[in-house]
Every structure is written in C-alpha cells, then in structure tokens.
Amino acid sequence: SIVLVHGAFVDGSGWKDTYSILSEAGYEVLVVQQP
C-alpha cells in the first residue's frame, strides 16, 4: 500500500493526480489529512 503525507500550507488534495496514477496501477493508495 502507499500512504501519502502532504506538507505545510496545503492539504491532501494536491495528491489527486499522483493518487489516480498509482491507483490505476493497482496500488491501494491512502491520503493523510493531517492538520
């Protein structure tokens, strides 16, 4: 599985395209929404 952790000033929506590409490749992709 792949877990994506965003940085400061933004949220997890910035991973959208990366998430889609990895998901289409068959990976379980989870996105952390840390405050």
Full PDB file with SEQRES, HELIX, SHEET, SSBOND, CRYST1, ORIGX, SCALE, CONECT and MASTER records, all heavy atoms in Angstrom:
SEQRES   1 A   35  SER ILE VAL LEU VAL HIS GLY ALA PHE VAL ASP GLY SER          
SEQRES   2 A   35  GLY TRP LYS ASP THR TYR SER ILE LEU SER GLU ALA GLY          
SEQRES   3 A   35  TYR GLU VAL LEU VAL VAL GLN GLN PRO                          
HELIX    1 AA1 GLY A   12  TRP A   15  5                                   4    
HELIX    2 AA2 LYS A   16  GLU A   24  1                                   9    
SHEET    1 AA1 2 ILE A   2  VAL A   5  0                                        
SHEET    2 AA1 2 VAL A  29  VAL A  32  1                                        
CRYST1    1.000    1.000    1.000  90.00  90.00  90.00 P 1           1          
ORIGX1      1.000000  0.000000  0.000000        0.00000                         
ORIGX2      0.000000  1.000000  0.000000        0.00000                         
ORIGX3      0.000000  0.000000  1.000000        0.00000                         
SCALE1      1.000000  0.000000  0.000000        0.00000                         
SCALE2      0.000000  1.000000  0.000000        0.00000                         
SCALE3      0.000000  0.000000  1.000000        0.00000                         
ATOM      1  N   SER A   1       0.853  -1.188   0.000  1.00  0.00           N  
ATOM      2  CA  SER A   1       0.000   0.000   0.000  1.00  0.00           C  
ATOM      3  C   SER A   1       0.885   1.233   0.000  1.00  0.00           C  
ATOM      4  O   SER A   1       2.042   1.188   0.423  1.00  0.00           O  
ATOM      5  CB  SER A   1      -0.909   0.011   1.228  1.00  0.00           C  
ATOM      6  OG  SER A   1      -1.756  -1.120   1.259  1.00  0.00           O  
ATOM      7  N   ILE A   2       0.347   2.342  -0.467  1.00  0.00           N  
ATOM      8  CA  ILE A   2       1.076   3.610  -0.500  1.00  0.00           C  
ATOM      9  C   ILE A   2       0.304   4.630   0.325  1.00  0.00           C  
ATOM     10  O   ILE A   2      -0.900   4.830   0.114  1.00  0.00           O  
ATOM     11  CB  ILE A   2       1.270   4.106  -1.946  1.00  0.00           C  
ATOM     12  CG1 ILE A   2       2.128   3.115  -2.733  1.00  0.00           C  
ATOM     13  CG2 ILE A   2       1.899   5.503  -1.965  1.00  0.00           C  
ATOM     14  CD1 ILE A   2       2.204   3.388  -4.215  1.00  0.00           C  
ATOM     15  N   VAL A   3       0.992   5.259   1.270  1.00  0.00           N  
ATOM     16  CA  VAL A   3       0.380   6.282   2.116  1.00  0.00           C  
ATOM     17  C   VAL A   3       1.058   7.617   1.812  1.00  0.00           C  
ATOM     18  O   VAL A   3       2.282   7.730   1.909  1.00  0.00           O  
ATOM     19  CB  VAL A   3       0.514   5.935   3.610  1.00  0.00           C  
ATOM     20  CG1 VAL A   3       0.003   7.081   4.481  1.00  0.00           C  
ATOM     21  CG2 VAL A   3      -0.241   4.644   3.929  1.00  0.00           C  
ATOM     22  N   LEU A   4       0.258   8.618   1.434  1.00  0.00           N  
ATOM     23  CA  LEU A   4       0.749   9.922   1.014  1.00  0.00           C  
ATOM     24  C   LEU A   4       0.521  10.962   2.113  1.00  0.00           C  
ATOM     25  O   LEU A   4      -0.603  11.117   2.605  1.00  0.00           O  
ATOM     26  CB  LEU A   4       0.028  10.366  -0.263  1.00  0.00           C  
ATOM     27  CG  LEU A   4       0.098   9.397  -1.458  1.00  0.00           C  
ATOM     28  CD1 LEU A   4      -0.798   9.886  -2.591  1.00  0.00           C  
ATOM     29  CD2 LEU A   4       1.528   9.227  -1.939  1.00  0.00           C  
ATOM     30  N   VAL A   5       1.592  11.677   2.472  1.00  0.00           N  
ATOM     31  CA  VAL A   5       1.532  12.661   3.553  1.00  0.00           C  
ATOM     32  C   VAL A   5       1.894  14.037   2.991  1.00  0.00           C  
ATOM     33  O   VAL A   5       3.019  14.243   2.521  1.00  0.00           O  
ATOM     34  CB  VAL A   5       2.504  12.286   4.695  1.00  0.00           C  
ATOM     35  CG1 VAL A   5       2.390  13.292   5.840  1.00  0.00           C  
ATOM     36  CG2 VAL A   5       2.234  10.867   5.185  1.00  0.00           C  
ATOM     37  N   HIS A   6       0.965  14.970   3.022  1.00  0.00           N  
ATOM     38  CA  HIS A   6       1.201  16.298   2.448  1.00  0.00           C  
ATOM     39  C   HIS A   6       2.070  17.147   3.363  1.00  0.00           C  
ATOM     40  O   HIS A   6       2.355  16.793   4.518  1.00  0.00           O  
ATOM     41  CB  HIS A   6      -0.123  17.008   2.146  1.00  0.00           C  
ATOM     42  CG  HIS A   6      -0.951  17.333   3.348  1.00  0.00           C  
ATOM     43  ND1 HIS A   6      -0.681  18.414   4.164  1.00  0.00           N  
ATOM     44  CD2 HIS A   6      -2.054  16.738   3.872  1.00  0.00           C  
ATOM     45  CE1 HIS A   6      -1.579  18.475   5.127  1.00  0.00           C  
ATOM     46  NE2 HIS A   6      -2.425  17.462   4.987  1.00  0.00           N  
ATOM     47  N   GLY A   7       2.477  18.303   2.866  1.00  0.00           N  
ATOM     48  CA  GLY A   7       3.313  19.213   3.630  1.00  0.00           C  
ATOM     49  C   GLY A   7       2.521  20.359   4.233  1.00  0.00           C  
ATOM     50  O   GLY A   7       1.289  20.308   4.348  1.00  0.00           O  
ATOM     51  N   ALA A   8       3.232  21.411   4.600  1.00  0.00           N  
ATOM     52  CA  ALA A   8       2.605  22.576   5.210  1.00  0.00           C  
ATOM     53  C   ALA A   8       1.901  23.435   4.161  1.00  0.00           C  
ATOM     54  O   ALA A   8       2.234  23.394   2.977  1.00  0.00           O  
ATOM     55  CB  ALA A   8       3.657  23.407   5.931  1.00  0.00           C  
ATOM     56  N   PHE A   9       0.905  24.197   4.620  1.00  0.00           N  
ATOM     57  CA  PHE A   9       0.180  25.215   3.842  1.00  0.00           C  
ATOM     58  C   PHE A   9      -0.854  24.633   2.879  1.00  0.00           C  
ATOM     59  O   PHE A   9      -1.644  25.378   2.313  1.00  0.00           O  
ATOM     60  CB  PHE A   9       1.142  26.134   3.064  1.00  0.00           C  
ATOM     61  CG  PHE A   9       2.310  26.603   3.877  1.00  0.00           C  
ATOM     62  CD1 PHE A   9       3.601  26.236   3.544  1.00  0.00           C  
ATOM     63  CD2 PHE A   9       2.110  27.393   4.999  1.00  0.00           C  
ATOM     64  CE1 PHE A   9       4.681  26.649   4.311  1.00  0.00           C  
ATOM     65  CE2 PHE A   9       3.181  27.815   5.778  1.00  0.00           C  
ATOM     66  CZ  PHE A   9       4.476  27.433   5.432  1.00  0.00           C  
ATOM     67  N   VAL A  10      -0.835  23.324   2.645  1.00  0.00           N  
ATOM     68  CA  VAL A  10      -1.743  22.689   1.692  1.00  0.00           C  
ATOM     69  C   VAL A  10      -2.412  21.495   2.376  1.00  0.00           C  
ATOM     70  O   VAL A  10      -2.104  21.164   3.507  1.00  0.00           O  
ATOM     71  CB  VAL A  10      -0.985  22.220   0.433  1.00  0.00           C  
ATOM     72  CG1 VAL A  10      -0.396  23.407  -0.314  1.00  0.00           C  
ATOM     73  CG2 VAL A  10       0.117  21.224   0.795  1.00  0.00           C  
ATOM     74  N   ASP A  11      -3.321  20.842   1.637  1.00  0.00           N  
ATOM     75  CA  ASP A  11      -3.926  19.623   2.176  1.00  0.00           C  
ATOM     76  C   ASP A  11      -3.719  18.468   1.197  1.00  0.00           C  
ATOM     77  O   ASP A  11      -2.991  18.590   0.223  1.00  0.00           O  
ATOM     78  CB  ASP A  11      -5.411  19.834   2.503  1.00  0.00           C  
ATOM     79  CG  ASP A  11      -6.269  20.112   1.263  1.00  0.00           C  
ATOM     80  OD1 ASP A  11      -5.779  19.921   0.131  1.00  0.00           O  
ATOM     81  OD2 ASP A  11      -7.431  20.507   1.439  1.00  0.00           O  
ATOM     82  N   GLY A  12      -4.371  17.351   1.463  1.00  0.00           N  
ATOM     83  CA  GLY A  12      -4.147  16.153   0.669  1.00  0.00           C  
ATOM     84  C   GLY A  12      -4.656  16.211  -0.747  1.00  0.00           C  
ATOM     85  O   GLY A  12      -4.333  15.331  -1.553  1.00  0.00           O  
ATOM     86  N   SER A  13      -5.448  17.227  -1.102  1.00  0.00           N  
ATOM     87  CA  SER A  13      -5.973  17.299  -2.471  1.00  0.00           C  
ATOM     88  C   SER A  13      -4.873  17.491  -3.513  1.00  0.00           C  
ATOM     89  O   SER A  13      -5.063  17.198  -4.687  1.00  0.00           O  
ATOM     90  CB  SER A  13      -7.001  18.427  -2.590  1.00  0.00           C  
ATOM     91  OG  SER A  13      -6.402  19.688  -2.333  1.00  0.00           O  
ATOM     92  N   GLY A  14      -3.704  17.969  -3.076  1.00  0.00           N  
ATOM     93  CA  GLY A  14      -2.600  18.132  -4.014  1.00  0.00           C  
ATOM     94  C   GLY A  14      -2.073  16.822  -4.561  1.00  0.00           C  
ATOM     95  O   GLY A  14      -1.338  16.805  -5.560  1.00  0.00           O  
ATOM     96  N   TRP A  15      -2.449  15.712  -3.935  1.00  0.00           N  
ATOM     97  CA  TRP A  15      -2.017  14.386  -4.391  1.00  0.00           C  
ATOM     98  C   TRP A  15      -2.934  13.811  -5.466  1.00  0.00           C  
ATOM     99  O   TRP A  15      -2.720  12.662  -5.903  1.00  0.00           O  
ATOM    100  CB  TRP A  15      -1.993  13.412  -3.223  1.00  0.00           C  
ATOM    101  CG  TRP A  15      -0.982  13.660  -2.161  1.00  0.00           C  
ATOM    102  CD1 TRP A  15      -1.215  14.037  -0.867  1.00  0.00           C  
ATOM    103  CD2 TRP A  15       0.447  13.519  -2.267  1.00  0.00           C  
ATOM    104  NE1 TRP A  15      -0.034  14.142  -0.166  1.00  0.00           N  
ATOM    105  CE2 TRP A  15       0.998  13.827  -0.999  1.00  0.00           C  
ATOM    106  CE3 TRP A  15       1.296  13.161  -3.331  1.00  0.00           C  
ATOM    107  CZ2 TRP A  15       2.371  13.781  -0.761  1.00  0.00           C  
ATOM    108  CZ3 TRP A  15       2.658  13.121  -3.088  1.00  0.00           C  
ATOM    109  CH2 TRP A  15       3.193  13.426  -1.824  1.00  0.00           C  
ATOM    110  N   LYS A  16      -3.965  14.519  -5.885  1.00  0.00           N  
ATOM    111  CA  LYS A  16      -5.017  13.937  -6.728  1.00  0.00           C  
ATOM    112  C   LYS A  16      -4.458  13.188  -7.937  1.00  0.00           C  
ATOM    113  O   LYS A  16      -4.813  12.031  -8.197  1.00  0.00           O  
ATOM    114  CB  LYS A  16      -5.998  15.011  -7.184  1.00  0.00           C  
ATOM    115  CG  LYS A  16      -7.150  14.479  -8.042  1.00  0.00           C  
ATOM    116  CD  LYS A  16      -8.110  15.584  -8.409  1.00  0.00           C  
ATOM    117  CE  LYS A  16      -9.281  15.046  -9.223  1.00  0.00           C  
ATOM    118  NZ  LYS A  16      -8.853  14.499 -10.528  1.00  0.00           N  
ATOM    119  N   ASP A  17      -3.618  13.832  -8.746  1.00  0.00           N  
ATOM    120  CA  ASP A  17      -3.124  13.178  -9.960  1.00  0.00           C  
ATOM    121  C   ASP A  17      -2.223  11.992  -9.626  1.00  0.00           C  
ATOM    122  O   ASP A  17      -2.305  10.933 -10.261  1.00  0.00           O  
ATOM    123  CB  ASP A  17      -2.371  14.182 -10.833  1.00  0.00           C  
ATOM    124  CG  ASP A  17      -3.290  15.203 -11.472  1.00  0.00           C  
ATOM    125  OD1 ASP A  17      -4.520  14.971 -11.496  1.00  0.00           O  
ATOM    126  OD2 ASP A  17      -2.789  16.250 -11.938  1.00  0.00           O  
ATOM    127  N   THR A  18      -1.362  12.154  -8.634  1.00  0.00           N  
ATOM    128  CA  THR A  18      -0.490  11.053  -8.224  1.00  0.00           C  
ATOM    129  C   THR A  18      -1.321   9.882  -7.702  1.00  0.00           C  
ATOM    130  O   THR A  18      -1.048   8.717  -8.031  1.00  0.00           O  
ATOM    131  CB  THR A  18       0.485  11.529  -7.130  1.00  0.00           C  
ATOM    132  OG1 THR A  18       1.223  12.657  -7.619  1.00  0.00           O  
ATOM    133  CG2 THR A  18       1.441  10.435  -6.739  1.00  0.00           C  
ATOM    134  N   TYR A  19      -2.326  10.198  -6.922  1.00  0.00           N  
ATOM    135  CA  TYR A  19      -3.238   9.170  -6.410  1.00  0.00           C  
ATOM    136  C   TYR A  19      -3.877   8.384  -7.552  1.00  0.00           C  
ATOM    137  O   TYR A  19      -3.914   7.142  -7.537  1.00  0.00           O  
ATOM    138  CB  TYR A  19      -4.323   9.836  -5.558  1.00  0.00           C  
ATOM    139  CG  TYR A  19      -5.460   8.926  -5.154  1.00  0.00           C  
ATOM    140  CD1 TYR A  19      -5.419   8.220  -3.959  1.00  0.00           C  
ATOM    141  CD2 TYR A  19      -6.578   8.768  -5.975  1.00  0.00           C  
ATOM    142  CE1 TYR A  19      -6.454   7.384  -3.590  1.00  0.00           C  
ATOM    143  CE2 TYR A  19      -7.615   7.930  -5.621  1.00  0.00           C  
ATOM    144  CZ  TYR A  19      -7.554   7.235  -4.430  1.00  0.00           C  
ATOM    145  OH  TYR A  19      -8.581   6.399  -4.079  1.00  0.00           O  
ATOM    146  N   SER A  20      -4.368   9.095  -8.553  1.00  0.00           N  
ATOM    147  CA  SER A  20      -5.048   8.431  -9.665  1.00  0.00           C  
ATOM    148  C   SER A  20      -4.101   7.515 -10.436  1.00  0.00           C  
ATOM    149  O   SER A  20      -4.449   6.374 -10.772  1.00  0.00           O  
ATOM    150  CB  SER A  20      -5.645   9.478 -10.614  1.00  0.00           C  
ATOM    151  OG  SER A  20      -6.632  10.248  -9.954  1.00  0.00           O  
ATOM    152  N   ILE A  21      -2.901   7.993 -10.704  1.00  0.00           N  
ATOM    153  CA  ILE A  21      -1.925   7.196 -11.465  1.00  0.00           C  
ATOM    154  C   ILE A  21      -1.566   5.922 -10.702  1.00  0.00           C  
ATOM    155  O   ILE A  21      -1.535   4.821 -11.272  1.00  0.00           O  
ATOM    156  CB  ILE A  21      -0.671   8.038 -11.765  1.00  0.00           C  
ATOM    157  CG1 ILE A  21      -1.011   9.196 -12.700  1.00  0.00           C  
ATOM    158  CG2 ILE A  21       0.434   7.162 -12.379  1.00  0.00           C  
ATOM    159  CD1 ILE A  21       0.062  10.268 -12.766  1.00  0.00           C  
ATOM    160  N   LEU A  22      -1.301   6.047  -9.416  1.00  0.00           N  
ATOM    161  CA  LEU A  22      -0.920   4.883  -8.620  1.00  0.00           C  
ATOM    162  C   LEU A  22      -2.089   3.923  -8.430  1.00  0.00           C  
ATOM    163  O   LEU A  22      -1.911   2.694  -8.452  1.00  0.00           O  
ATOM    164  CB  LEU A  22      -0.380   5.336  -7.267  1.00  0.00           C  
ATOM    165  CG  LEU A  22       0.961   6.081  -7.310  1.00  0.00           C  
ATOM    166  CD1 LEU A  22       1.263   6.696  -5.953  1.00  0.00           C  
ATOM    167  CD2 LEU A  22       2.089   5.143  -7.735  1.00  0.00           C  
ATOM    168  N   SER A  23      -3.275   4.464  -8.248  1.00  0.00           N  
ATOM    169  CA  SER A  23      -4.460   3.607  -8.104  1.00  0.00           C  
ATOM    170  C   SER A  23      -4.712   2.817  -9.377  1.00  0.00           C  
ATOM    171  O   SER A  23      -5.021   1.609  -9.329  1.00  0.00           O  
ATOM    172  CB  SER A  23      -5.689   4.449  -7.756  1.00  0.00           C  
ATOM    173  OG  SER A  23      -5.546   5.083  -6.504  1.00  0.00           O  
ATOM    174  N   GLU A  24      -4.574   3.467 -10.524  1.00  0.00           N  
ATOM    175  CA  GLU A  24      -4.767   2.780 -11.806  1.00  0.00           C  
ATOM    176  C   GLU A  24      -3.716   1.692 -12.026  1.00  0.00           C  
ATOM    177  O   GLU A  24      -3.949   0.742 -12.781  1.00  0.00           O  
ATOM    178  CB  GLU A  24      -4.738   3.795 -12.946  1.00  0.00           C  
ATOM    179  CG  GLU A  24      -5.975   4.686 -12.975  1.00  0.00           C  
ATOM    180  CD  GLU A  24      -5.814   5.890 -13.900  1.00  0.00           C  
ATOM    181  OE1 GLU A  24      -4.790   5.959 -14.602  1.00  0.00           O  
ATOM    182  OE2 GLU A  24      -6.726   6.741 -13.903  1.00  0.00           O  
ATOM    183  N   ALA A  25      -2.580   1.828 -11.363  1.00  0.00           N  
ATOM    184  CA  ALA A  25      -1.533   0.816 -11.473  1.00  0.00           C  
ATOM    185  C   ALA A  25      -1.760  -0.349 -10.505  1.00  0.00           C  
ATOM    186  O   ALA A  25      -0.943  -1.273 -10.456  1.00  0.00           O  
ATOM    187  CB  ALA A  25      -0.167   1.441 -11.211  1.00  0.00           C  
ATOM    188  N   GLY A  26      -2.849  -0.308  -9.757  1.00  0.00           N  
ATOM    189  CA  GLY A  26      -3.212  -1.430  -8.901  1.00  0.00           C  
ATOM    190  C   GLY A  26      -2.867  -1.288  -7.443  1.00  0.00           C  
ATOM    191  O   GLY A  26      -3.065  -2.219  -6.652  1.00  0.00           O  
ATOM    192  N   TYR A  27      -2.373  -0.125  -7.024  1.00  0.00           N  
ATOM    193  CA  TYR A  27      -1.999   0.073  -5.628  1.00  0.00           C  
ATOM    194  C   TYR A  27      -3.181   0.541  -4.787  1.00  0.00           C  
ATOM    195  O   TYR A  27      -4.020   1.325  -5.273  1.00  0.00           O  
ATOM    196  CB  TYR A  27      -0.885   1.111  -5.507  1.00  0.00           C  
ATOM    197  CG  TYR A  27       0.448   0.649  -6.024  1.00  0.00           C  
ATOM    198  CD1 TYR A  27       0.843   0.940  -7.331  1.00  0.00           C  
ATOM    199  CD2 TYR A  27       1.313  -0.083  -5.218  1.00  0.00           C  
ATOM    200  CE1 TYR A  27       2.070   0.511  -7.825  1.00  0.00           C  
ATOM    201  CE2 TYR A  27       2.539  -0.515  -5.700  1.00  0.00           C  
ATOM    202  CZ  TYR A  27       2.911  -0.219  -7.003  1.00  0.00           C  
ATOM    203  OH  TYR A  27       4.119  -0.652  -7.476  1.00  0.00           O  
ATOM    204  N   GLU A  28      -3.223   0.089  -3.555  1.00  0.00           N  
ATOM    205  CA  GLU A  28      -4.083   0.731  -2.566  1.00  0.00           C  
ATOM    206  C   GLU A  28      -3.361   2.004  -2.142  1.00  0.00           C  
ATOM    207  O   GLU A  28      -2.222   1.950  -1.668  1.00  0.00           O  
ATOM    208  CB  GLU A  28      -4.302  -0.160  -1.353  1.00  0.00           C  
ATOM    209  CG  GLU A  28      -5.169   0.528  -0.294  1.00  0.00           C  
ATOM    210  CD  GLU A  28      -5.193  -0.205   1.040  1.00  0.00           C  
ATOM    211  OE1 GLU A  28      -4.141  -0.748   1.460  1.00  0.00           O  
ATOM    212  OE2 GLU A  28      -6.259  -0.202   1.676  1.00  0.00           O  
ATOM    213  N   VAL A  29      -4.014   3.159  -2.325  1.00  0.00           N  
ATOM    214  CA  VAL A  29      -3.402   4.444  -2.000  1.00  0.00           C  
ATOM    215  C   VAL A  29      -4.257   5.136  -0.951  1.00  0.00           C  
ATOM    216  O   VAL A  29      -5.464   5.312  -1.136  1.00  0.00           O  
ATOM    217  CB  VAL A  29      -3.268   5.342  -3.250  1.00  0.00           C  
ATOM    218  CG1 VAL A  29      -2.511   6.625  -2.896  1.00  0.00           C  
ATOM    219  CG2 VAL A  29      -2.566   4.603  -4.385  1.00  0.00           C  
ATOM    220  N   LEU A  30      -3.626   5.536   0.138  1.00  0.00           N  
ATOM    221  CA  LEU A  30      -4.320   6.243   1.207  1.00  0.00           C  
ATOM    222  C   LEU A  30      -3.693   7.624   1.372  1.00  0.00           C  
ATOM    223  O   LEU A  30      -2.465   7.767   1.250  1.00  0.00           O  
ATOM    224  CB  LEU A  30      -4.242   5.471   2.522  1.00  0.00           C  
ATOM    225  CG  LEU A  30      -4.888   4.078   2.516  1.00  0.00           C  
ATOM    226  CD1 LEU A  30      -3.855   3.015   2.179  1.00  0.00           C  
ATOM    227  CD2 LEU A  30      -5.535   3.764   3.853  1.00  0.00           C  
ATOM    228  N   VAL A  31      -4.516   8.619   1.641  1.00  0.00           N  
ATOM    229  CA  VAL A  31      -4.060  10.002   1.765  1.00  0.00           C  
ATOM    230  C   VAL A  31      -4.312  10.490   3.183  1.00  0.00           C  
ATOM    231  O   VAL A  31      -5.435  10.432   3.681  1.00  0.00           O  
ATOM    232  CB  VAL A  31      -4.785  10.914   0.751  1.00  0.00           C  
ATOM    233  CG1 VAL A  31      -4.304  12.355   0.893  1.00  0.00           C  
ATOM    234  CG2 VAL A  31      -4.577  10.412  -0.673  1.00  0.00           C  
ATOM    235  N   VAL A  32      -3.251  10.967   3.823  1.00  0.00           N  
ATOM    236  CA  VAL A  32      -3.374  11.509   5.173  1.00  0.00           C  
ATOM    237  C   VAL A  32      -3.789  12.978   5.086  1.00  0.00           C  
ATOM    238  O   VAL A  32      -3.248  13.734   4.288  1.00  0.00           O  
ATOM    239  CB  VAL A  32      -2.024  11.392   5.929  1.00  0.00           C  
ATOM    240  CG1 VAL A  32      -2.154  11.947   7.347  1.00  0.00           C  
ATOM    241  CG2 VAL A  32      -1.543   9.944   5.952  1.00  0.00           C  
ATOM    242  N   GLN A  33      -4.741  13.364   5.922  1.00  0.00           N  
ATOM    243  CA  GLN A  33      -5.150  14.762   6.025  1.00  0.00           C  
ATOM    244  C   GLN A  33      -4.779  15.255   7.426  1.00  0.00           C  
ATOM    245  O   GLN A  33      -5.621  15.378   8.314  1.00  0.00           O  
ATOM    246  CB  GLN A  33      -6.660  14.903   5.790  1.00  0.00           C  
ATOM    247  CG  GLN A  33      -7.089  14.684   4.343  1.00  0.00           C  
ATOM    248  CD  GLN A  33      -6.856  15.906   3.467  1.00  0.00           C  
ATOM    249  OE1 GLN A  33      -5.966  16.700   3.712  1.00  0.00           O  
ATOM    250  NE2 GLN A  33      -7.648  16.059   2.424  1.00  0.00           N  
ATOM    251  N   GLN A  34      -3.497  15.487   7.626  1.00  0.00           N  
ATOM    252  CA  GLN A  34      -3.046  15.930   8.943  1.00  0.00           C  
ATOM    253  C   GLN A  34      -3.209  17.446   9.072  1.00  0.00           C  
ATOM    254  O   GLN A  34      -3.083  18.179   8.088  1.00  0.00           O  
ATOM    255  CB  GLN A  34      -1.602  15.494   9.216  1.00  0.00           C  
ATOM    256  CG  GLN A  34      -0.533  16.316   8.519  1.00  0.00           C  
ATOM    257  CD  GLN A  34      -0.208  15.813   7.128  1.00  0.00           C  
ATOM    258  OE1 GLN A  34      -0.983  15.083   6.524  1.00  0.00           O  
ATOM    259  NE2 GLN A  34       0.939  16.211   6.606  1.00  0.00           N  
ATOM    260  N   PRO A  35      -3.484  17.942  10.263  1.00  0.00           N  
ATOM    261  CA  PRO A  35      -3.802  19.362  10.442  1.00  0.00           C  
ATOM    262  C   PRO A  35      -2.598  20.298  10.409  1.00  0.00           C  
ATOM    263  O   PRO A  35      -2.770  21.510  10.308  1.00  0.00           O  
ATOM    264  CB  PRO A  35      -4.495  19.414  11.801  1.00  0.00           C  
ATOM    265  CG  PRO A  35      -3.997  18.204  12.526  1.00  0.00           C  
ATOM    266  CD  PRO A  35      -3.783  17.155  11.477  1.00  0.00           C  
TER     267      PRO A  35                                                      
MASTER        0    0    0    2    2    0    0    6  266    1    0    3          
END                                                                             
